[in-house]
Each structure stands twice: as C-alpha cells, then as structure tokens.
C-alpha cells in the first residue's frame, strides 16, 4: 500500500496562482509606496514605462528577429506585467532603506514565480491533447 503524503493539486485550478498574485500585488504596493505627494502617480508612470519596455522586447523578438512562433495575448500580458513590476521594483530601490532593497529581491522572485505559474496555467487550460 502506497501512501501519498503530499496533496495533489492542479496548477490550472488556481490554488497556487491566486495567492501568488495577491502576494505580488502586496509587494508592488509596499515597494512603490513613497513619502512624496502623489506617489501612486509616479509608480503608475514607471509601471507604464515597464509595460512599454516589455512591448518593445516582444516586438523585437517577433518582427525583427523573426522568432518562428507567435505568443498569445495572455502570455504577453503575463510577461508584460513581470517586466513592468520588476522595473518598478528596481526603480523603487534608489535611495531606499536596506529593508526595502532586501524585500525587492524577494519581490522579483515572487514576480517571476507568479509569471511562470500564470503562463503554465494558461497552457494547462489549453492542452493540445
């Protein structure tokens, strides 16, 4: 008789995705908080700049380097949010206390894990077999 001590869960069901999205959002809010007036406006502009940077990277891969496959919009959205949140995290590290810099390292890891799980969930929902 075989006993499985680890519970089985499916990434597609969102049992891992939604807590990671919540944690990534929490990291983004904490790291973008500043003591300046209208900090949210500065954070929004940095996030938009990161999204444009991600769009430029995807454009270069698709149209200039002629990568032979086209990514669906859902995967593009996950990649764009990863690049934008990572850029916001890097910019927020300037002139910040040490605890914020340490938190930023963990935040980028959470952003990467959230992006990977989100893309995995997308392809898991649309399995070709």
C-alpha atoms as a PDB file:
ATOM      1  CA  UNK A   1       0.000   0.000   0.000  1.00  0.00           C
ATOM      2  CA  UNK A   2       1.424   3.338  -1.090  1.00  0.00           C
ATOM      3  CA  UNK A   3       0.697   6.441   0.970  1.00  0.00           C
ATOM      4  CA  UNK A   4       0.984   9.852  -0.652  1.00  0.00           C
ATOM      5  CA  UNK A   5       1.883  12.448   1.967  1.00  0.00           C
ATOM      6  CA  UNK A   6       1.773  15.388  -0.424  1.00  0.00           C
ATOM      7  CA  UNK A   7      -1.670  16.527  -1.512  1.00  0.00           C
ATOM      8  CA  UNK A   8      -2.253  16.558  -5.226  1.00  0.00           C
ATOM      9  CA  UNK A   9      -3.279  19.868  -6.698  1.00  0.00           C
ATOM     10  CA  UNK A  10      -3.598  21.198 -10.182  1.00  0.00           C
ATOM     11  CA  UNK A  11      -1.944  24.490 -11.132  1.00  0.00           C
ATOM     12  CA  UNK A  12      -4.775  25.203 -13.511  1.00  0.00           C
ATOM     13  CA  UNK A  13      -7.314  25.351 -10.672  1.00  0.00           C
ATOM     14  CA  UNK A  14      -5.666  28.458  -9.239  1.00  0.00           C
ATOM     15  CA  UNK A  15      -4.760  27.040  -5.839  1.00  0.00           C
ATOM     16  CA  UNK A  16      -1.228  28.389  -6.279  1.00  0.00           C
ATOM     17  CA  UNK A  17      -1.834  31.179  -8.795  1.00  0.00           C
ATOM     18  CA  UNK A  18      -4.198  33.429  -6.837  1.00  0.00           C
ATOM     19  CA  UNK A  19      -2.167  33.523  -3.597  1.00  0.00           C
ATOM     20  CA  UNK A  20       0.904  34.381  -5.685  1.00  0.00           C
ATOM     21  CA  UNK A  21      -0.989  37.159  -7.489  1.00  0.00           C
ATOM     22  CA  UNK A  22      -2.094  38.536  -4.116  1.00  0.00           C
ATOM     23  CA  UNK A  23       1.470  38.379  -2.766  1.00  0.00           C
ATOM     24  CA  UNK A  24       2.886  40.030  -5.896  1.00  0.00           C
ATOM     25  CA  UNK A  25       0.310  42.816  -5.632  1.00  0.00           C
ATOM     26  CA  UNK A  26       1.176  43.322  -1.980  1.00  0.00           C
ATOM     27  CA  UNK A  27       4.894  43.533  -2.829  1.00  0.00           C
ATOM     28  CA  UNK A  28       4.140  46.071  -5.574  1.00  0.00           C
ATOM     29  CA  UNK A  29       2.141  48.298  -3.231  1.00  0.00           C
ATOM     30  CA  UNK A  30       4.717  48.159  -0.434  1.00  0.00           C
ATOM     31  CA  UNK A  31       7.690  48.783  -2.728  1.00  0.00           C
ATOM     32  CA  UNK A  32       6.073  51.616  -4.673  1.00  0.00           C
ATOM     33  CA  UNK A  33       4.967  53.471  -1.533  1.00  0.00           C
ATOM     34  CA  UNK A  34       6.926  56.691  -1.181  1.00  0.00           C
ATOM     35  CA  UNK A  35       6.835  59.651   1.129  1.00  0.00           C
ATOM     36  CA  UNK A  36       6.292  62.042  -1.741  1.00  0.00           C
ATOM     37  CA  UNK A  37       3.000  63.617  -2.654  1.00  0.00           C
ATOM     38  CA  UNK A  38       1.132  61.580  -5.299  1.00  0.00           C
ATOM     39  CA  UNK A  39       3.488  58.577  -5.079  1.00  0.00           C
ATOM     40  CA  UNK A  40       0.897  56.488  -6.873  1.00  0.00           C
ATOM     41  CA  UNK A  41       1.177  58.689  -9.961  1.00  0.00           C
ATOM     42  CA  UNK A  42       4.937  58.210 -10.139  1.00  0.00           C
ATOM     43  CA  UNK A  43       4.505  54.463  -9.644  1.00  0.00           C
ATOM     44  CA  UNK A  44       1.891  54.332 -12.405  1.00  0.00           C
ATOM     45  CA  UNK A  45       4.198  56.098 -14.863  1.00  0.00           C
ATOM     46  CA  UNK A  46       7.055  53.739 -14.043  1.00  0.00           C
ATOM     47  CA  UNK A  47       4.729  50.761 -14.496  1.00  0.00           C
ATOM     48  CA  UNK A  48       3.577  52.114 -17.875  1.00  0.00           C
ATOM     49  CA  UNK A  49       7.221  52.579 -18.880  1.00  0.00           C
ATOM     50  CA  UNK A  50       7.927  48.962 -17.917  1.00  0.00           C
ATOM     51  CA  UNK A  51       4.956  47.798 -19.953  1.00  0.00           C
ATOM     52  CA  UNK A  52       6.243  49.736 -22.969  1.00  0.00           C
ATOM     53  CA  UNK A  53       9.685  48.209 -22.477  1.00  0.00           C
ATOM     54  CA  UNK A  54       8.137  44.728 -22.435  1.00  0.00           C
ATOM     55  CA  UNK A  55       6.150  45.534 -25.573  1.00  0.00           C
ATOM     56  CA  UNK A  56       9.368  46.685 -27.275  1.00  0.00           C
ATOM     57  CA  UNK A  57      11.169  43.469 -26.278  1.00  0.00           C
ATOM     58  CA  UNK A  58       8.314  41.323 -27.614  1.00  0.00           C
ATOM     59  CA  UNK A  59       8.209  43.407 -30.800  1.00  0.00           C
ATOM     60  CA  UNK A  60      11.929  42.923 -31.390  1.00  0.00           C
ATOM     61  CA  UNK A  61      11.657  39.173 -30.887  1.00  0.00           C
ATOM     62  CA  UNK A  62       8.650  38.784 -33.148  1.00  0.00           C
ATOM     63  CA  UNK A  63       9.247  41.216 -36.018  1.00  0.00           C
ATOM     64  CA  UNK A  64      12.979  41.944 -36.078  1.00  0.00           C
ATOM     65  CA  UNK A  65      14.480  38.611 -35.012  1.00  0.00           C
ATOM     66  CA  UNK A  66      11.623  36.675 -36.688  1.00  0.00           C
ATOM     67  CA  UNK A  67      11.021  34.178 -33.902  1.00  0.00           C
ATOM     68  CA  UNK A  68       9.007  31.391 -35.583  1.00  0.00           C
ATOM     69  CA  UNK A  69       6.147  31.272 -33.063  1.00  0.00           C
ATOM     70  CA  UNK A  70       3.605  33.860 -32.037  1.00  0.00           C
ATOM     71  CA  UNK A  71       2.720  34.228 -28.363  1.00  0.00           C
ATOM     72  CA  UNK A  72      -0.954  34.538 -27.414  1.00  0.00           C
ATOM     73  CA  UNK A  73      -2.102  37.749 -25.755  1.00  0.00           C
ATOM     74  CA  UNK A  74      -2.476  36.035 -22.360  1.00  0.00           C
ATOM     75  CA  UNK A  75       1.200  35.071 -22.309  1.00  0.00           C
ATOM     76  CA  UNK A  76       2.145  38.556 -23.496  1.00  0.00           C
ATOM     77  CA  UNK A  77       0.130  40.028 -20.611  1.00  0.00           C
ATOM     78  CA  UNK A  78       1.961  37.872 -18.039  1.00  0.00           C
ATOM     79  CA  UNK A  79       5.358  38.794 -19.498  1.00  0.00           C
ATOM     80  CA  UNK A  80       4.455  42.476 -19.670  1.00  0.00           C
ATOM     81  CA  UNK A  81       3.326  42.565 -16.059  1.00  0.00           C
ATOM     82  CA  UNK A  82       6.543  40.805 -14.986  1.00  0.00           C
ATOM     83  CA  UNK A  83       8.805  43.302 -16.753  1.00  0.00           C
ATOM     84  CA  UNK A  84       6.768  46.301 -15.549  1.00  0.00           C
ATOM     85  CA  UNK A  85       6.653  45.141 -11.919  1.00  0.00           C
ATOM     86  CA  UNK A  86      10.360  44.288 -11.965  1.00  0.00           C
ATOM     87  CA  UNK A  87      11.234  47.721 -13.352  1.00  0.00           C
ATOM     88  CA  UNK A  88       9.074  49.358 -10.689  1.00  0.00           C
ATOM     89  CA  UNK A  89      10.890  47.321  -8.044  1.00  0.00           C
ATOM     90  CA  UNK A  90      14.341  48.249  -9.341  1.00  0.00           C
ATOM     91  CA  UNK A  91      13.465  51.941  -9.538  1.00  0.00           C
ATOM     92  CA  UNK A  92      11.991  51.896  -6.037  1.00  0.00           C
ATOM     93  CA  UNK A  93      15.336  50.678  -4.646  1.00  0.00           C
ATOM     94  CA  UNK A  94      17.012  54.019  -5.321  1.00  0.00           C
ATOM     95  CA  UNK A  95      17.565  55.978  -2.124  1.00  0.00           C
ATOM     96  CA  UNK A  96      15.592  53.485  -0.072  1.00  0.00           C
ATOM     97  CA  UNK A  97      16.356  51.786   3.240  1.00  0.00           C
ATOM     98  CA  UNK A  98      18.098  48.435   3.350  1.00  0.00           C
ATOM     99  CA  UNK A  99      14.928  46.511   4.277  1.00  0.00           C
ATOM    100  CA  UNK A 100      13.272  47.735   1.082  1.00  0.00           C
ATOM    101  CA  UNK A 101      16.195  46.516  -1.015  1.00  0.00           C
ATOM    102  CA  UNK A 102      16.051  43.075   0.588  1.00  0.00           C
ATOM    103  CA  UNK A 103      12.287  42.997   0.060  1.00  0.00           C
ATOM    104  CA  UNK A 104      12.830  43.921  -3.600  1.00  0.00           C
ATOM    105  CA  UNK A 105      14.955  40.811  -4.174  1.00  0.00           C
ATOM    106  CA  UNK A 106      12.172  38.632  -2.812  1.00  0.00           C
ATOM    107  CA  UNK A 107       9.595  40.572  -4.816  1.00  0.00           C
ATOM    108  CA  UNK A 108      11.324  39.924  -8.131  1.00  0.00           C
ATOM    109  CA  UNK A 109      11.459  36.212  -7.289  1.00  0.00           C
ATOM    110  CA  UNK A 110       7.728  36.263  -6.498  1.00  0.00           C
ATOM    111  CA  UNK A 111       7.019  38.156  -9.752  1.00  0.00           C
ATOM    112  CA  UNK A 112       8.969  35.551 -11.730  1.00  0.00           C
ATOM    113  CA  UNK A 113       7.226  32.643  -9.999  1.00  0.00           C
ATOM    114  CA  UNK A 114       3.806  34.244 -10.498  1.00  0.00           C
ATOM    115  CA  UNK A 115       4.528  34.782 -14.186  1.00  0.00           C
ATOM    116  CA  UNK A 116       5.702  31.196 -14.656  1.00  0.00           C
ATOM    117  CA  UNK A 117       2.674  29.755 -12.850  1.00  0.00           C
ATOM    118  CA  UNK A 118       0.327  32.049 -14.817  1.00  0.00           C
ATOM    119  CA  UNK A 119       1.794  31.014 -18.167  1.00  0.00           C
ATOM    120  CA  UNK A 120       1.749  27.377 -17.075  1.00  0.00           C
ATOM    121  CA  UNK A 121      -1.907  27.701 -16.087  1.00  0.00           C
ATOM    122  CA  UNK A 122      -2.718  29.235 -19.484  1.00  0.00           C
ATOM    123  CA  UNK A 123      -1.135  26.380 -21.408  1.00  0.00           C
ATOM    124  CA  UNK A 124      -2.567  23.843 -18.967  1.00  0.00           C
ATOM    125  CA  UNK A 125      -6.077  25.067 -19.752  1.00  0.00           C
ATOM    126  CA  UNK A 126      -5.458  24.757 -23.470  1.00  0.00           C
ATOM    127  CA  UNK A 127      -3.617  21.473 -23.657  1.00  0.00           C
ATOM    128  CA  UNK A 128      -3.417  20.202 -27.264  1.00  0.00           C
ATOM    129  CA  UNK A 129      -4.140  16.593 -26.314  1.00  0.00           C
END
